[in-house]
Amino acid sequence: MEFELWVRIVKESIHRGNMDPWDINVAKVAEEYIKTLRELERFDIRLSADVILVGGILLRMKSQYLYERCVSTSQEDSSLKESRHSKRRRGRKKVTTEKLIDDIKLEVKKVKKVRRKREHIGEEILYEIIEELEKYHISELIETLISELREEGVIVFQEKFSDRESKVKNFLPCLYLASEGKVEIFQKEVFKEMIVKYRDR
């Protein structure tokens, strides 16, 4: 939509770069756009996710544009350089302001679609875990876990509970015991080994 801030910034970038709106330089638009974002951030102006996302899309477009230009230049034979250059100029597809805005809108939609899909998958996994947990009596799981921890003192969660089912049913009791101050949980890095230590009072 025309009132979206990123659309306005794109058009202002084209104007600031003194570009022909019917034949714009994508690399230059990206540079001007990022320059504007930095200016806005400097004045502590909060930018929407879409405005920042479009900056990333333009940088990707710029990389592609420069890469294609580099490849086409390197493929030129020095003896035929002038004639091929004129042919390429005649055959080069012009990018208009409206075409660029439409392309960006399409990319924004693609990114949002992927994000929604990931969120949906995440929700499905969460509901699946909740359904599995409902099969067990949490209080019984907590009692079993605390008695095992009293005996062993320290456990590596992923080693102690190696299969998916035991991980699912023991993870929540671990968090509960940690919140009650009965155990301590350590993890040096995200997604790495989780150490559960019994607190002997």
Protein backbone atom coordinates (compact mmCIF):
# COMPACT_ATOMS: atom_id res chain seq x y z
CA MET A 1 0.00 0.00 0.00
CA GLU A 2 1.22 3.47 -0.90
CA PHE A 3 0.99 4.83 2.65
CA GLU A 4 3.48 2.23 3.95
CA LEU A 5 6.63 3.90 5.23
CA TRP A 6 9.02 1.61 3.34
CA VAL A 7 7.34 2.52 0.01
CA ARG A 8 7.87 6.18 0.76
CA ILE A 9 11.52 5.60 1.72
CA VAL A 10 12.11 3.66 -1.54
CA LYS A 11 10.64 6.51 -3.60
CA GLU A 12 12.63 9.11 -1.67
CA SER A 13 15.80 7.02 -2.19
CA ILE A 14 15.20 7.08 -5.96
CA HIS A 15 14.64 10.84 -5.83
CA ARG A 16 17.72 11.45 -3.66
CA GLY A 17 19.87 9.39 -6.01
CA ASN A 18 18.68 11.48 -9.03
CA MET A 19 17.58 8.29 -10.80
CA ASP A 20 15.30 7.91 -13.77
CA PRO A 21 12.07 6.37 -12.28
CA TRP A 22 11.71 4.34 -15.49
CA ASP A 23 15.25 2.93 -15.35
CA ILE A 24 16.53 2.75 -11.78
CA ASN A 25 19.77 1.40 -10.35
CA VAL A 26 18.80 -1.20 -7.71
CA ALA A 27 22.24 -1.08 -6.03
CA LYS A 28 21.98 2.70 -5.63
CA VAL A 29 18.42 2.44 -4.24
CA ALA A 30 19.65 -0.05 -1.63
CA GLU A 31 22.49 2.28 -0.60
CA GLU A 32 20.17 5.30 -0.25
CA TYR A 33 17.55 3.23 1.62
CA ILE A 34 20.08 1.94 4.20
CA LYS A 35 21.46 5.47 4.57
CA THR A 36 17.94 6.70 5.43
CA LEU A 37 17.44 3.89 7.99
CA ARG A 38 20.70 4.87 9.72
CA GLU A 39 19.60 8.50 9.85
CA LEU A 40 16.24 7.52 11.39
CA GLU A 41 17.91 5.25 13.96
CA ARG A 42 20.31 8.06 14.89
CA PHE A 43 17.31 10.20 15.85
CA ASP A 44 15.96 7.25 17.90
CA ILE A 45 12.96 6.79 15.60
CA ARG A 46 11.39 3.35 16.04
CA LEU A 47 11.14 1.49 12.77
CA SER A 48 8.57 -1.19 11.96
CA ALA A 49 9.65 -4.75 11.18
CA ASP A 50 8.59 -4.29 7.54
CA VAL A 51 10.83 -1.23 7.07
CA ILE A 52 13.86 -3.18 8.36
CA LEU A 53 12.89 -6.29 6.39
CA VAL A 54 12.76 -4.28 3.15
CA GLY A 55 16.29 -3.03 3.89
CA GLY A 56 17.48 -6.64 3.97
CA ILE A 57 15.58 -7.48 0.76
CA LEU A 58 17.14 -4.50 -1.04
CA LEU A 59 20.64 -5.50 0.08
CA ARG A 60 20.04 -8.99 -1.29
CA MET A 61 18.77 -7.49 -4.57
CA LYS A 62 21.86 -5.27 -4.69
CA SER A 63 24.18 -8.29 -4.25
CA GLN A 64 22.36 -10.16 -7.02
CA TYR A 65 22.47 -7.12 -9.31
CA LEU A 66 26.22 -6.60 -8.77
CA TYR A 67 26.95 -10.32 -9.16
CA GLU A 68 25.06 -10.55 -12.48
CA ARG A 69 26.82 -7.43 -13.73
CA CYS A 70 30.20 -8.84 -12.71
CA VAL A 71 29.53 -12.20 -14.44
CA SER A 72 28.33 -10.58 -17.67
CA THR A 73 31.40 -8.30 -17.72
CA SER A 74 33.87 -11.15 -17.14
CA GLN A 75 32.32 -13.15 -19.99
CA GLU A 76 33.02 -10.44 -22.53
CA ASP A 77 35.75 -11.06 -25.04
CA SER A 78 38.08 -8.06 -25.24
CA SER A 79 38.01 -8.00 -29.07
CA LEU A 80 34.19 -7.92 -29.20
CA LYS A 81 33.69 -5.87 -26.04
CA GLU A 82 32.24 -2.77 -27.69
CA SER A 83 29.70 -4.58 -29.88
CA ARG A 84 28.53 -6.88 -27.09
CA HIS A 85 28.27 -3.95 -24.69
CA SER A 86 25.92 -2.14 -27.07
CA LYS A 87 23.85 -5.31 -27.55
CA ARG A 88 23.61 -5.81 -23.80
CA ARG A 89 22.52 -2.22 -23.31
CA ARG A 90 19.78 -2.68 -25.93
CA GLY A 91 18.68 -5.99 -24.42
CA ARG A 92 18.97 -5.01 -20.74
CA LYS A 93 15.66 -5.12 -18.93
CA LYS A 94 14.81 -1.79 -17.34
CA VAL A 95 13.58 -1.71 -13.75
CA THR A 96 10.91 0.90 -13.06
CA THR A 97 9.96 2.28 -9.64
CA GLU A 98 6.62 0.46 -9.67
CA LYS A 99 8.25 -2.82 -10.76
CA LEU A 100 10.77 -2.59 -7.92
CA ILE A 101 8.01 -1.87 -5.35
CA ASP A 102 5.94 -4.81 -6.66
CA ASP A 103 9.00 -7.12 -6.48
CA ILE A 104 9.69 -6.02 -2.89
CA LYS A 105 6.03 -6.58 -1.89
CA LEU A 106 6.25 -10.09 -3.31
CA GLU A 107 9.44 -10.80 -1.31
CA VAL A 108 7.87 -9.41 1.89
CA LYS A 109 4.87 -11.73 1.40
CA LYS A 110 7.18 -14.73 0.89
CA VAL A 111 9.13 -13.99 4.09
CA LYS A 112 5.92 -13.54 6.12
CA LYS A 113 4.48 -16.76 4.72
CA VAL A 114 7.59 -18.70 5.82
CA ARG A 115 7.41 -17.06 9.29
CA ARG A 116 3.71 -17.99 9.68
CA LYS A 117 4.48 -21.56 8.63
CA ARG A 118 7.27 -21.81 11.23
CA GLU A 119 5.00 -20.38 13.94
CA HIS A 120 2.27 -22.88 12.98
CA ILE A 121 4.75 -25.78 13.17
CA GLY A 122 5.90 -24.50 16.57
CA GLU A 123 2.31 -24.37 17.84
CA GLU A 124 1.64 -27.91 16.61
CA ILE A 125 4.73 -29.25 18.44
CA LEU A 126 3.68 -27.41 21.63
CA TYR A 127 0.14 -28.84 21.55
CA GLU A 128 1.58 -32.29 20.84
CA ILE A 129 3.83 -32.07 23.92
CA ILE A 130 0.91 -30.83 26.08
CA GLU A 131 -1.26 -33.74 24.88
CA GLU A 132 1.54 -36.20 25.70
CA LEU A 133 2.02 -34.70 29.17
CA GLU A 134 -1.69 -35.06 29.88
CA LYS A 135 -1.22 -38.84 29.74
CA TYR A 136 0.97 -38.71 32.85
CA HIS A 137 0.39 -37.69 36.45
CA ILE A 138 2.80 -34.78 36.93
CA SER A 139 2.95 -35.20 40.72
CA GLU A 140 4.10 -38.82 40.31
CA LEU A 141 6.73 -37.79 37.75
CA ILE A 142 8.04 -35.09 40.11
CA GLU A 143 8.30 -37.57 43.02
CA THR A 144 10.16 -40.13 40.87
CA LEU A 145 12.52 -37.48 39.49
CA ILE A 146 13.36 -35.98 42.89
CA SER A 147 14.08 -39.39 44.40
CA GLU A 148 16.43 -40.22 41.50
CA LEU A 149 18.17 -36.87 41.90
CA ARG A 150 18.63 -37.48 45.66
CA GLU A 151 20.42 -40.71 44.81
CA GLU A 152 22.53 -39.48 41.89
CA GLY A 153 23.09 -35.86 42.94
CA VAL A 154 23.70 -34.61 39.40
CA ILE A 155 22.33 -35.78 36.04
CA VAL A 156 22.89 -34.79 32.41
CA PHE A 157 19.30 -34.48 31.21
CA GLN A 158 19.96 -35.65 27.61
CA GLU A 159 21.88 -38.71 28.83
CA LYS A 160 19.47 -39.64 31.60
CA PHE A 161 16.45 -39.27 29.31
CA SER A 162 17.69 -40.29 25.89
CA ASP A 163 14.41 -41.13 24.10
CA ARG A 164 11.80 -38.54 23.11
CA GLU A 165 9.05 -39.81 25.42
CA SER A 166 11.15 -39.64 28.59
CA LYS A 167 12.47 -36.19 27.61
CA VAL A 168 8.95 -34.84 27.12
CA LYS A 169 7.54 -36.22 30.38
CA ASN A 170 10.54 -35.19 32.55
CA PHE A 171 11.28 -31.72 31.19
CA LEU A 172 8.32 -29.99 32.89
CA PRO A 173 8.95 -31.66 36.29
CA CYS A 174 12.58 -30.43 36.04
CA LEU A 175 11.41 -26.86 35.51
CA TYR A 176 8.92 -27.19 38.37
CA LEU A 177 11.61 -28.45 40.78
CA ALA A 178 13.93 -25.62 39.70
CA SER A 179 11.22 -23.02 40.37
CA GLU A 180 10.72 -24.58 43.84
CA GLY A 181 14.43 -24.30 44.52
CA LYS A 182 14.85 -28.08 44.89
CA VAL A 183 17.18 -28.44 41.91
CA GLU A 184 19.57 -26.22 39.94
CA ILE A 185 19.70 -26.28 36.15
CA PHE A 186 22.86 -25.33 34.22
CA GLN A 187 23.38 -25.03 30.49
CA LYS A 188 26.61 -23.57 29.07
CA GLU A 189 25.15 -23.04 25.60
CA VAL A 190 21.63 -23.06 24.15
CA PHE A 191 20.64 -26.53 22.84
CA LYS A 192 23.70 -28.09 24.52
CA GLU A 193 23.77 -30.48 27.52
CA MET A 194 21.48 -29.53 30.39
CA ILE A 195 22.85 -30.32 33.86
CA VAL A 196 20.33 -30.88 36.66
CA LYS A 197 21.76 -30.80 40.19
CA TYR A 198 19.90 -31.74 43.39
CA ARG A 199 20.04 -29.08 46.08
CA ASP A 200 20.71 -30.72 49.43
CA ARG A 201 19.36 -28.38 52.08
